[in-house]
């Protein structure tokens, strides 16, 4: 997860567009010829896209981009600590 990338994705893409991208990437991983290294890259991409979708929701609810990024980061770190 890279917060600067997540912020960039959130600012420049709609949630719908990012969800479609996640769907395509998940479909890609289902093919038997996908290698472990490719799976790692796709996993990182999906994580960043999902984070951007979450941040997008927070911004749409009226939160500033900075607060949305902080809230999202705290949520992720909180789930890791548990």
PDB file of N, CA and C in Angstrom:
ATOM      1  N   UNK A   1       0.845  -1.167   0.000  1.00  0.00           N
ATOM      2  CA  UNK A   1       0.000   0.000   0.000  1.00  0.00           C
ATOM      3  C   UNK A   1       0.897   1.239   0.000  1.00  0.00           C
ATOM      4  N   UNK A   2       0.638   2.111  -0.920  1.00  0.00           N
ATOM      5  CA  UNK A   2       1.407   3.345  -1.025  1.00  0.00           C
ATOM      6  C   UNK A   2       0.438   4.517  -1.050  1.00  0.00           C
ATOM      7  N   UNK A   3       0.420   5.265   0.052  1.00  0.00           N
ATOM      8  CA  UNK A   3      -0.542   6.348   0.202  1.00  0.00           C
ATOM      9  C   UNK A   3      -0.448   7.404  -0.899  1.00  0.00           C
ATOM     10  N   UNK A   4       0.752   7.810  -1.347  1.00  0.00           N
ATOM     11  CA  UNK A   4       0.793   8.787  -2.441  1.00  0.00           C
ATOM     12  C   UNK A   4       0.126   8.271  -3.727  1.00  0.00           C
ATOM     13  N   UNK A   5       0.294   7.005  -4.004  1.00  0.00           N
ATOM     14  CA  UNK A   5      -0.347   6.419  -5.194  1.00  0.00           C
ATOM     15  C   UNK A   5      -1.854   6.363  -5.001  1.00  0.00           C
ATOM     16  N   UNK A   6      -2.280   5.995  -3.811  1.00  0.00           N
ATOM     17  CA  UNK A   6      -3.717   5.929  -3.517  1.00  0.00           C
ATOM     18  C   UNK A   6      -4.352   7.304  -3.680  1.00  0.00           C
ATOM     19  N   UNK A   7      -3.686   8.337  -3.164  1.00  0.00           N
ATOM     20  CA  UNK A   7      -4.201   9.710  -3.316  1.00  0.00           C
ATOM     21  C   UNK A   7      -4.311  10.086  -4.793  1.00  0.00           C
ATOM     22  N   UNK A   8      -3.283   9.757  -5.553  1.00  0.00           N
ATOM     23  CA  UNK A   8      -3.278  10.073  -6.989  1.00  0.00           C
ATOM     24  C   UNK A   8      -4.433   9.363  -7.701  1.00  0.00           C
ATOM     25  N   UNK A   9      -4.615   8.088  -7.420  1.00  0.00           N
ATOM     26  CA  UNK A   9      -5.700   7.330  -8.052  1.00  0.00           C
ATOM     27  C   UNK A   9      -7.058   7.914  -7.675  1.00  0.00           C
ATOM     28  N   UNK A  10      -7.220   8.264  -6.408  1.00  0.00           N
ATOM     29  CA  UNK A  10      -8.494   8.795  -5.925  1.00  0.00           C
ATOM     30  C   UNK A  10      -8.827  10.116  -6.597  1.00  0.00           C
ATOM     31  N   UNK A  11      -7.824  10.963  -6.794  1.00  0.00           N
ATOM     32  CA  UNK A  11      -8.065  12.265  -7.397  1.00  0.00           C
ATOM     33  C   UNK A  11      -8.386  12.185  -8.886  1.00  0.00           C
ATOM     34  N   UNK A  12      -7.834  11.213  -9.575  1.00  0.00           N
ATOM     35  CA  UNK A  12      -7.884  11.188 -11.035  1.00  0.00           C
ATOM     36  C   UNK A  12      -8.808  10.140 -11.646  1.00  0.00           C
ATOM     37  N   UNK A  13      -9.542   9.404 -10.805  1.00  0.00           N
ATOM     38  CA  UNK A  13     -10.398   8.346 -11.335  1.00  0.00           C
ATOM     39  C   UNK A  13     -11.681   8.231 -10.526  1.00  0.00           C
ATOM     40  N   UNK A  14     -12.729   7.802 -11.181  1.00  0.00           N
ATOM     41  CA  UNK A  14     -13.980   7.564 -10.469  1.00  0.00           C
ATOM     42  C   UNK A  14     -13.924   6.209  -9.775  1.00  0.00           C
ATOM     43  N   UNK A  15     -14.744   6.065  -8.740  1.00  0.00           N
ATOM     44  CA  UNK A  15     -14.807   4.795  -8.021  1.00  0.00           C
ATOM     45  C   UNK A  15     -15.241   3.670  -8.957  1.00  0.00           C
ATOM     46  N   UNK A  16     -16.163   3.973  -9.849  1.00  0.00           N
ATOM     47  CA  UNK A  16     -16.647   2.967 -10.790  1.00  0.00           C
ATOM     48  C   UNK A  16     -15.523   2.483 -11.705  1.00  0.00           C
ATOM     49  N   UNK A  17     -14.747   3.405 -12.206  1.00  0.00           N
ATOM     50  CA  UNK A  17     -13.632   3.070 -13.089  1.00  0.00           C
ATOM     51  C   UNK A  17     -12.601   2.196 -12.358  1.00  0.00           C
ATOM     52  N   UNK A  18     -12.313   2.548 -11.112  1.00  0.00           N
ATOM     53  CA  UNK A  18     -11.350   1.765 -10.332  1.00  0.00           C
ATOM     54  C   UNK A  18     -11.885   0.380 -10.013  1.00  0.00           C
ATOM     55  N   UNK A  19     -13.182   0.282  -9.743  1.00  0.00           N
ATOM     56  CA  UNK A  19     -13.769  -1.029  -9.459  1.00  0.00           C
ATOM     57  C   UNK A  19     -13.706  -1.923 -10.691  1.00  0.00           C
ATOM     58  N   UNK A  20     -13.943  -1.361 -11.864  1.00  0.00           N
ATOM     59  CA  UNK A  20     -13.831  -2.139 -13.105  1.00  0.00           C
ATOM     60  C   UNK A  20     -12.405  -2.646 -13.282  1.00  0.00           C
ATOM     61  N   UNK A  21     -11.438  -1.808 -12.954  1.00  0.00           N
ATOM     62  CA  UNK A  21     -10.041  -2.207 -13.060  1.00  0.00           C
ATOM     63  C   UNK A  21      -9.740  -3.352 -12.105  1.00  0.00           C
ATOM     64  N   UNK A  22     -10.238  -3.275 -10.890  1.00  0.00           N
ATOM     65  CA  UNK A  22     -10.053  -4.366  -9.922  1.00  0.00           C
ATOM     66  C   UNK A  22     -10.655  -5.652 -10.468  1.00  0.00           C
ATOM     67  N   UNK A  23     -11.843  -5.563 -11.035  1.00  0.00           N
ATOM     68  CA  UNK A  23     -12.501  -6.750 -11.592  1.00  0.00           C
ATOM     69  C   UNK A  23     -11.652  -7.395 -12.678  1.00  0.00           C
ATOM     70  N   UNK A  24     -11.071  -6.588 -13.552  1.00  0.00           N
ATOM     71  CA  UNK A  24     -10.225  -7.116 -14.629  1.00  0.00           C
ATOM     72  C   UNK A  24      -8.967  -7.759 -14.047  1.00  0.00           C
ATOM     73  N   UNK A  25      -8.348  -7.098 -13.091  1.00  0.00           N
ATOM     74  CA  UNK A  25      -7.139  -7.660 -12.483  1.00  0.00           C
ATOM     75  C   UNK A  25      -7.436  -8.973 -11.761  1.00  0.00           C
ATOM     76  N   UNK A  26      -8.558  -9.055 -11.076  1.00  0.00           N
ATOM     77  CA  UNK A  26      -8.925 -10.296 -10.407  1.00  0.00           C
ATOM     78  C   UNK A  26      -9.162 -11.410 -11.422  1.00  0.00           C
ATOM     79  N   UNK A  27      -9.774 -11.077 -12.535  1.00  0.00           N
ATOM     80  CA  UNK A  27      -9.976 -12.066 -13.590  1.00  0.00           C
ATOM     81  C   UNK A  27      -8.633 -12.552 -14.134  1.00  0.00           C
ATOM     82  N   UNK A  28      -7.701 -11.623 -14.311  1.00  0.00           N
ATOM     83  CA  UNK A  28      -6.363 -11.967 -14.787  1.00  0.00           C
ATOM     84  C   UNK A  28      -5.707 -13.001 -13.873  1.00  0.00           C
ATOM     85  N   UNK A  29      -5.847 -12.822 -12.567  1.00  0.00           N
ATOM     86  CA  UNK A  29      -5.184 -13.729 -11.619  1.00  0.00           C
ATOM     87  C   UNK A  29      -5.768 -15.132 -11.628  1.00  0.00           C
ATOM     88  N   UNK A  30      -6.938 -15.294 -12.180  1.00  0.00           N
ATOM     89  CA  UNK A  30      -7.576 -16.604 -12.200  1.00  0.00           C
ATOM     90  C   UNK A  30      -7.015 -17.534 -13.276  1.00  0.00           C
ATOM     91  N   UNK A  31      -6.210 -16.997 -14.177  1.00  0.00           N
ATOM     92  CA  UNK A  31      -5.646 -17.834 -15.235  1.00  0.00           C
ATOM     93  C   UNK A  31      -4.469 -18.641 -14.689  1.00  0.00           C
ATOM     94  N   UNK A  32      -4.379 -19.869 -15.093  1.00  0.00           N
ATOM     95  CA  UNK A  32      -3.382 -20.784 -14.535  1.00  0.00           C
ATOM     96  C   UNK A  32      -1.933 -20.416 -14.866  1.00  0.00           C
ATOM     97  N   UNK A  33      -1.707 -19.622 -15.899  1.00  0.00           N
ATOM     98  CA  UNK A  33      -0.335 -19.305 -16.286  1.00  0.00           C
ATOM     99  C   UNK A  33       0.236 -18.072 -15.578  1.00  0.00           C
ATOM    100  N   UNK A  34      -0.548 -17.455 -14.712  1.00  0.00           N
ATOM    101  CA  UNK A  34      -0.063 -16.276 -13.985  1.00  0.00           C
ATOM    102  C   UNK A  34       0.957 -16.736 -12.943  1.00  0.00           C
ATOM    103  N   UNK A  35       2.124 -16.107 -12.990  1.00  0.00           N
ATOM    104  CA  UNK A  35       3.224 -16.473 -12.097  1.00  0.00           C
ATOM    105  C   UNK A  35       3.094 -15.771 -10.750  1.00  0.00           C
ATOM    106  N   UNK A  36       3.815 -16.308  -9.778  1.00  0.00           N
ATOM    107  CA  UNK A  36       3.773 -15.766  -8.419  1.00  0.00           C
ATOM    108  C   UNK A  36       4.173 -14.289  -8.374  1.00  0.00           C
ATOM    109  N   UNK A  37       5.202 -13.930  -9.119  1.00  0.00           N
ATOM    110  CA  UNK A  37       5.648 -12.535  -9.139  1.00  0.00           C
ATOM    111  C   UNK A  37       4.557 -11.628  -9.701  1.00  0.00           C
ATOM    112  N   UNK A  38       3.861 -12.099 -10.719  1.00  0.00           N
ATOM    113  CA  UNK A  38       2.759 -11.324 -11.306  1.00  0.00           C
ATOM    114  C   UNK A  38       1.620 -11.180 -10.305  1.00  0.00           C
ATOM    115  N   UNK A  39       1.370 -12.238  -9.550  1.00  0.00           N
ATOM    116  CA  UNK A  39       0.318 -12.188  -8.530  1.00  0.00           C
ATOM    117  C   UNK A  39       0.651 -11.139  -7.467  1.00  0.00           C
ATOM    118  N   UNK A  40       1.930 -11.048  -7.105  1.00  0.00           N
ATOM    119  CA  UNK A  40       2.343 -10.051  -6.116  1.00  0.00           C
ATOM    120  C   UNK A  40       2.094  -8.633  -6.629  1.00  0.00           C
ATOM    121  N   UNK A  41       2.430  -8.396  -7.883  1.00  0.00           N
ATOM    122  CA  UNK A  41       2.228  -7.071  -8.482  1.00  0.00           C
ATOM    123  C   UNK A  41       0.732  -6.746  -8.551  1.00  0.00           C
ATOM    124  N   UNK A  42      -0.054  -7.697  -9.004  1.00  0.00           N
ATOM    125  CA  UNK A  42      -1.501  -7.485  -9.104  1.00  0.00           C
ATOM    126  C   UNK A  42      -2.087  -7.235  -7.712  1.00  0.00           C
ATOM    127  N   UNK A  43      -1.611  -7.974  -6.718  1.00  0.00           N
ATOM    128  CA  UNK A  43      -2.088  -7.779  -5.355  1.00  0.00           C
ATOM    129  C   UNK A  43      -1.824  -6.363  -4.863  1.00  0.00           C
ATOM    130  N   UNK A  44      -0.637  -5.832  -5.159  1.00  0.00           N
ATOM    131  CA  UNK A  44      -0.304  -4.462  -4.773  1.00  0.00           C
ATOM    132  C   UNK A  44      -1.197  -3.457  -5.504  1.00  0.00           C
ATOM    133  N   UNK A  45      -1.433  -3.701  -6.791  1.00  0.00           N
ATOM    134  CA  UNK A  45      -2.305  -2.815  -7.561  1.00  0.00           C
ATOM    135  C   UNK A  45      -3.728  -2.817  -7.006  1.00  0.00           C
ATOM    136  N   UNK A  46      -4.244  -3.996  -6.720  1.00  0.00           N
ATOM    137  CA  UNK A  46      -5.609  -4.112  -6.199  1.00  0.00           C
ATOM    138  C   UNK A  46      -5.711  -3.421  -4.841  1.00  0.00           C
ATOM    139  N   UNK A  47      -4.705  -3.589  -4.002  1.00  0.00           N
ATOM    140  CA  UNK A  47      -4.696  -2.940  -2.690  1.00  0.00           C
ATOM    141  C   UNK A  47      -4.752  -1.421  -2.833  1.00  0.00           C
ATOM    142  N   UNK A  48      -3.935  -0.881  -3.713  1.00  0.00           N
ATOM    143  CA  UNK A  48      -3.930   0.569  -3.927  1.00  0.00           C
ATOM    144  C   UNK A  48      -5.254   1.059  -4.500  1.00  0.00           C
ATOM    145  N   UNK A  49      -5.809   0.327  -5.438  1.00  0.00           N
ATOM    146  CA  UNK A  49      -7.093   0.712  -6.029  1.00  0.00           C
ATOM    147  C   UNK A  49      -8.220   0.660  -4.994  1.00  0.00           C
ATOM    148  N   UNK A  50      -8.233  -0.398  -4.188  1.00  0.00           N
ATOM    149  CA  UNK A  50      -9.269  -0.518  -3.158  1.00  0.00           C
ATOM    150  C   UNK A  50      -9.141   0.616  -2.141  1.00  0.00           C
ATOM    151  N   UNK A  51      -7.915   0.971  -1.798  1.00  0.00           N
ATOM    152  CA  UNK A  51      -7.697   2.105  -0.896  1.00  0.00           C
ATOM    153  C   UNK A  51      -8.203   3.402  -1.489  1.00  0.00           C
ATOM    154  N   UNK A  52      -7.966   3.587  -2.775  1.00  0.00           N
ATOM    155  CA  UNK A  52      -8.438   4.792  -3.452  1.00  0.00           C
ATOM    156  C   UNK A  52      -9.963   4.852  -3.471  1.00  0.00           C
ATOM    157  N   UNK A  53     -10.604   3.724  -3.640  1.00  0.00           N
ATOM    158  CA  UNK A  53     -12.074   3.681  -3.608  1.00  0.00           C
ATOM    159  C   UNK A  53     -12.571   4.074  -2.219  1.00  0.00           C
ATOM    160  N   UNK A  54     -11.929   3.551  -1.179  1.00  0.00           N
ATOM    161  CA  UNK A  54     -12.321   3.898   0.183  1.00  0.00           C
ATOM    162  C   UNK A  54     -12.128   5.392   0.455  1.00  0.00           C
ATOM    163  N   UNK A  55     -10.990   5.928   0.022  1.00  0.00           N
ATOM    164  CA  UNK A  55     -10.754   7.361   0.197  1.00  0.00           C
ATOM    165  C   UNK A  55     -11.778   8.186  -0.570  1.00  0.00           C
ATOM    166  N   UNK A  56     -12.125   7.722  -1.774  1.00  0.00           N
ATOM    167  CA  UNK A  56     -13.122   8.414  -2.593  1.00  0.00           C
ATOM    168  C   UNK A  56     -14.458   8.496  -1.842  1.00  0.00           C
ATOM    169  N   UNK A  57     -14.841   7.413  -1.190  1.00  0.00           N
ATOM    170  CA  UNK A  57     -16.095   7.403  -0.425  1.00  0.00           C
ATOM    171  C   UNK A  57     -16.055   8.429   0.708  1.00  0.00           C
ATOM    172  N   UNK A  58     -14.916   8.487   1.404  1.00  0.00           N
ATOM    173  CA  UNK A  58     -14.788   9.444   2.503  1.00  0.00           C
ATOM    174  C   UNK A  58     -14.870  10.879   2.007  1.00  0.00           C
ATOM    175  N   UNK A  59     -14.237  11.166   0.871  1.00  0.00           N
ATOM    176  CA  UNK A  59     -14.272  12.513   0.300  1.00  0.00           C
ATOM    177  C   UNK A  59     -15.692  12.858  -0.139  1.00  0.00           C
ATOM    178  N   UNK A  60     -16.379  11.898  -0.743  1.00  0.00           N
ATOM    179  CA  UNK A  60     -17.765  12.142  -1.173  1.00  0.00           C
ATOM    180  C   UNK A  60     -18.681  12.406   0.016  1.00  0.00           C
ATOM    181  N   UNK A  61     -18.331  11.850   1.185  1.00  0.00           N
ATOM    182  CA  UNK A  61     -19.125  12.076   2.395  1.00  0.00           C
ATOM    183  C   UNK A  61     -18.826  13.437   3.020  1.00  0.00           C
ATOM    184  N   UNK A  62     -17.898  14.190   2.409  1.00  0.00           N
ATOM    185  CA  UNK A  62     -17.630  15.537   2.873  1.00  0.00           C
ATOM    186  C   UNK A  62     -16.297  15.731   3.579  1.00  0.00           C
ATOM    187  N   UNK A  63     -15.517  14.698   3.691  1.00  0.00           N
ATOM    188  CA  UNK A  63     -14.226  14.807   4.358  1.00  0.00           C
ATOM    189  C   UNK A  63     -13.201  15.413   3.400  1.00  0.00           C
ATOM    190  N   UNK A  64     -12.265  16.182   3.925  1.00  0.00           N
ATOM    191  CA  UNK A  64     -11.202  16.718   3.071  1.00  0.00           C
ATOM    192  C   UNK A  64     -10.302  15.569   2.618  1.00  0.00           C
ATOM    193  N   UNK A  65      -9.571  15.790   1.528  1.00  0.00           N
ATOM    194  CA  UNK A  65      -8.681  14.741   1.031  1.00  0.00           C
ATOM    195  C   UNK A  65      -7.635  14.370   2.068  1.00  0.00           C
ATOM    196  N   UNK A  66      -7.104  15.362   2.759  1.00  0.00           N
ATOM    197  CA  UNK A  66      -6.088  15.101   3.787  1.00  0.00           C
ATOM    198  C   UNK A  66      -6.669  14.264   4.921  1.00  0.00           C
ATOM    199  N   UNK A  67      -7.856  14.642   5.409  1.00  0.00           N
ATOM    200  CA  UNK A  67      -8.492  13.887   6.484  1.00  0.00           C
ATOM    201  C   UNK A  67      -8.879  12.486   6.033  1.00  0.00           C
ATOM    202  N   UNK A  68      -9.325  12.370   4.786  1.00  0.00           N
ATOM    203  CA  UNK A  68      -9.681  11.054   4.249  1.00  0.00           C
ATOM    204  C   UNK A  68      -8.450  10.151   4.190  1.00  0.00           C
ATOM    205  N   UNK A  69      -7.326  10.708   3.763  1.00  0.00           N
ATOM    206  CA  UNK A  69      -6.082   9.929   3.704  1.00  0.00           C
ATOM    207  C   UNK A  69      -5.654   9.490   5.098  1.00  0.00           C
ATOM    208  N   UNK A  70      -5.731  10.410   6.058  1.00  0.00           N
ATOM    209  CA  UNK A  70      -5.359  10.075   7.438  1.00  0.00           C
ATOM    210  C   UNK A  70      -6.291   9.029   8.039  1.00  0.00           C
ATOM    211  N   UNK A  71      -7.574   9.182   7.809  1.00  0.00           N
ATOM    212  CA  UNK A  71      -8.558   8.219   8.318  1.00  0.00           C
ATOM    213  C   UNK A  71      -8.318   6.838   7.718  1.00  0.00           C
ATOM    214  N   UNK A  72      -8.098   6.806   6.412  1.00  0.00           N
ATOM    215  CA  UNK A  72      -7.846   5.531   5.752  1.00  0.00           C
ATOM    216  C   UNK A  72      -6.576   4.885   6.292  1.00  0.00           C
ATOM    217  N   UNK A  73      -5.498   5.659   6.415  1.00  0.00           N
ATOM    218  CA  UNK A  73      -4.225   5.115   6.915  1.00  0.00           C
ATOM    219  C   UNK A  73      -4.384   4.578   8.340  1.00  0.00           C
ATOM    220  N   UNK A  74      -5.094   5.312   9.192  1.00  0.00           N
ATOM    221  CA  UNK A  74      -5.331   4.854  10.572  1.00  0.00           C
ATOM    222  C   UNK A  74      -6.134   3.565  10.587  1.00  0.00           C
ATOM    223  N   UNK A  75      -7.125   3.471   9.688  1.00  0.00           N
ATOM    224  CA  UNK A  75      -7.954   2.269   9.625  1.00  0.00           C
ATOM    225  C   UNK A  75      -7.091   1.056   9.232  1.00  0.00           C
ATOM    226  N   UNK A  76      -6.230   1.252   8.245  1.00  0.00           N
ATOM    227  CA  UNK A  76      -5.357   0.158   7.799  1.00  0.00           C
ATOM    228  C   UNK A  76      -4.401  -0.243   8.920  1.00  0.00           C
ATOM    229  N   UNK A  77      -3.751   0.743   9.522  1.00  0.00           N
ATOM    230  CA  UNK A  77      -2.809   0.446  10.591  1.00  0.00           C
ATOM    231  C   UNK A  77      -3.512  -0.207  11.779  1.00  0.00           C
ATOM    232  N   UNK A  78      -4.713   0.230  12.059  1.00  0.00           N
ATOM    233  CA  UNK A  78      -5.495  -0.380  13.141  1.00  0.00           C
ATOM    234  C   UNK A  78      -5.833  -1.824  12.879  1.00  0.00           C
ATOM    235  N   UNK A  79      -6.116  -2.154  11.635  1.00  0.00           N
ATOM    236  CA  UNK A  79      -6.444  -3.546  11.303  1.00  0.00           C
ATOM    237  C   UNK A  79      -5.200  -4.433  11.331  1.00  0.00           C
ATOM    238  N   UNK A  80      -4.032  -3.840  11.063  1.00  0.00           N
ATOM    239  CA  UNK A  80      -2.781  -4.600  11.119  1.00  0.00           C
ATOM    240  C   UNK A  80      -2.411  -4.900  12.560  1.00  0.00           C
ATOM    241  N   UNK A  81      -2.650  -3.936  13.455  1.00  0.00           N
ATOM    242  CA  UNK A  81      -2.293  -4.097  14.870  1.00  0.00           C
ATOM    243  C   UNK A  81      -3.117  -5.161  15.582  1.00  0.00           C
ATOM    244  N   UNK A  82      -4.288  -5.460  15.079  1.00  0.00           N
ATOM    245  CA  UNK A  82      -5.173  -6.403  15.761  1.00  0.00           C
ATOM    246  C   UNK A  82      -4.777  -7.817  15.577  1.00  0.00           C
TER     247      UNK A  82
END
